[in-house]
Structures are given as C-alpha cells and as structure tokens.
C-alpha cells in the first residue's frame, strides 16, 4: 500500500476524502507522507533508495497567513526521519521555507 500512496496519491482521492484538505497539493502531500510512514516497517535497499530520492520531493502544503506563509515539505521531513531511524546518515533537507506575501508598491 505504501508504494502506490507515494507514487500515485491521486488514485486514493474519493468523495470521502476529508474536507480538511482544501487544495489538491495538500491531499497529495498528506497521502505521500502516509506512504513514507508506512515504509518505516520495511527497511530494504529498495526502500532506502526511494526514501533518499524523496529528500528533494517538491510536495508541500502552505500554512500561516498575513505577511508570511510557510511551505512545509512533510514528505521530505518524514523521509529523513525514517532514514535516520534506520541508522543512516542523511543530510537534513529543506523542511520549511518562508514565503513573503507582502505586496511591494512603487
């Protein structure tokens, strides 16, 4: 189940998908993160390689508001955590980026 959640999270979206998700990118990010977490119990060379590739995954969700919004990369974060829990030395990926919402007027 973990592999399809990571590879094709859109296949799991149904009319019963919680309304808490407002954007398709939030759903994709959440489902892929769940797939990564499911792999935690299946350490293998194949899964190590897959999780390493996800350290630069583009999936993010937005939070915050006002003048600042944050891009949170939960797929990267979970992948890093699982790899570290398996005792592997991995570089810390970018987990959060700050986006300025301020409109600059001339």
Protein backbone atom coordinates (compact mmCIF):
# COMPACT_ATOMS: atom_id res chain seq x y z
CA UNK A 1 0.00 0.00 0.00
CA UNK A 2 2.88 2.38 0.74
CA UNK A 3 4.33 2.29 -2.76
CA UNK A 4 1.09 3.35 -4.52
CA UNK A 5 0.46 6.08 -1.93
CA UNK A 6 3.86 7.55 -2.73
CA UNK A 7 3.77 7.03 -6.50
CA UNK A 8 0.13 7.90 -7.28
CA UNK A 9 -1.62 9.54 -4.34
CA UNK A 10 -4.34 10.90 -6.63
CA UNK A 11 -5.61 7.33 -7.06
CA UNK A 12 -6.73 7.38 -3.41
CA UNK A 13 -8.84 10.54 -3.59
CA UNK A 14 -12.52 9.76 -3.24
CA UNK A 15 -15.68 11.61 -2.30
CA UNK A 16 -14.90 10.50 1.29
CA UNK A 17 -11.58 12.35 1.40
CA UNK A 18 -11.82 14.67 4.44
CA UNK A 19 -12.87 18.26 3.80
CA UNK A 20 -9.89 19.34 5.91
CA UNK A 21 -7.90 19.27 2.69
CA UNK A 22 -8.61 22.36 0.65
CA UNK A 23 -6.06 22.07 -2.10
CA UNK A 24 -5.02 19.11 -4.26
CA UNK A 25 -1.41 19.70 -3.24
CA UNK A 26 -2.39 19.23 0.43
CA UNK A 27 -4.02 15.89 -0.37
CA UNK A 28 -1.04 14.74 -2.43
CA UNK A 29 1.41 15.80 0.26
CA UNK A 30 -0.58 14.10 3.02
CA UNK A 31 -1.04 10.82 1.16
CA UNK A 32 2.62 10.65 0.10
CA UNK A 33 3.70 11.35 3.69
CA UNK A 34 1.47 8.49 4.89
CA UNK A 35 3.12 6.21 2.34
CA UNK A 36 6.56 7.16 3.63
CA UNK A 37 5.46 6.49 7.21
CA UNK A 38 4.16 3.06 6.17
CA UNK A 39 7.59 2.17 4.75
CA UNK A 40 9.09 2.68 8.21
CA UNK A 41 8.45 -1.01 8.97
CA UNK A 42 10.04 -2.33 5.77
CA UNK A 43 13.73 -1.45 5.70
CA UNK A 44 15.30 -2.63 2.44
CA UNK A 45 17.81 -1.33 -0.09
CA UNK A 46 14.95 -0.51 -2.48
CA UNK A 47 13.06 1.47 0.18
CA UNK A 48 16.24 3.24 1.30
CA UNK A 49 16.86 4.36 -2.29
CA UNK A 50 13.26 5.52 -2.66
CA UNK A 51 13.30 7.50 0.59
CA UNK A 52 16.63 9.10 -0.33
CA UNK A 53 15.07 10.28 -3.59
CA UNK A 54 12.21 11.85 -1.63
CA UNK A 55 14.59 14.11 0.34
CA UNK A 56 14.10 16.60 -2.51
CA UNK A 57 10.39 15.89 -3.16
CA UNK A 58 8.57 19.01 -4.42
CA UNK A 59 5.36 18.31 -2.45
CA UNK A 60 4.44 20.96 0.09
CA UNK A 61 1.47 22.47 1.86
CA UNK A 62 1.02 26.10 2.82
CA UNK A 63 0.43 27.43 6.31
CA UNK A 64 0.48 30.79 8.02
CA UNK A 65 -1.02 33.95 6.66
CA UNK A 66 -0.76 37.69 6.84
CA UNK A 67 2.65 38.83 5.67
CA UNK A 68 4.19 35.36 5.92
CA UNK A 69 3.29 31.99 4.54
CA UNK A 70 5.30 28.84 5.04
CA UNK A 71 5.90 25.99 2.62
CA UNK A 72 6.12 22.80 4.65
CA UNK A 73 7.71 19.78 2.97
CA UNK A 74 6.34 16.90 5.05
CA UNK A 75 7.34 14.20 2.54
CA UNK A 76 10.97 15.29 2.84
CA UNK A 77 10.72 15.51 6.61
CA UNK A 78 9.19 12.05 7.03
CA UNK A 79 11.67 10.50 4.59
CA UNK A 80 14.58 11.99 6.52
CA UNK A 81 13.15 10.81 9.86
CA UNK A 82 12.64 7.24 8.65
CA UNK A 83 16.14 7.06 7.16
CA UNK A 84 17.65 8.41 10.38
CA UNK A 85 15.59 5.97 12.44
CA UNK A 86 17.09 3.20 10.31
CA UNK A 87 20.52 4.42 11.40
CA UNK A 88 21.51 6.03 8.12
CA UNK A 89 23.45 9.26 7.85
CA UNK A 90 21.45 11.61 5.65
CA UNK A 91 21.72 15.34 5.05
CA UNK A 92 18.92 17.38 6.56
CA UNK A 93 16.67 18.50 3.68
CA UNK A 94 14.88 21.82 3.47
CA UNK A 95 11.73 21.19 5.51
CA UNK A 96 10.22 24.69 5.71
CA UNK A 97 10.58 27.75 3.51
CA UNK A 98 9.25 31.19 4.30
CA UNK A 99 7.29 32.95 1.58
CA UNK A 100 6.70 36.68 1.89
CA UNK A 101 3.20 37.75 0.94
CA UNK A 102 3.91 41.43 1.21
CA UNK A 103 2.95 43.36 -1.87
CA UNK A 104 5.57 45.92 -2.81
CA UNK A 105 4.18 49.10 -4.28
CA UNK A 106 6.37 51.52 -6.23
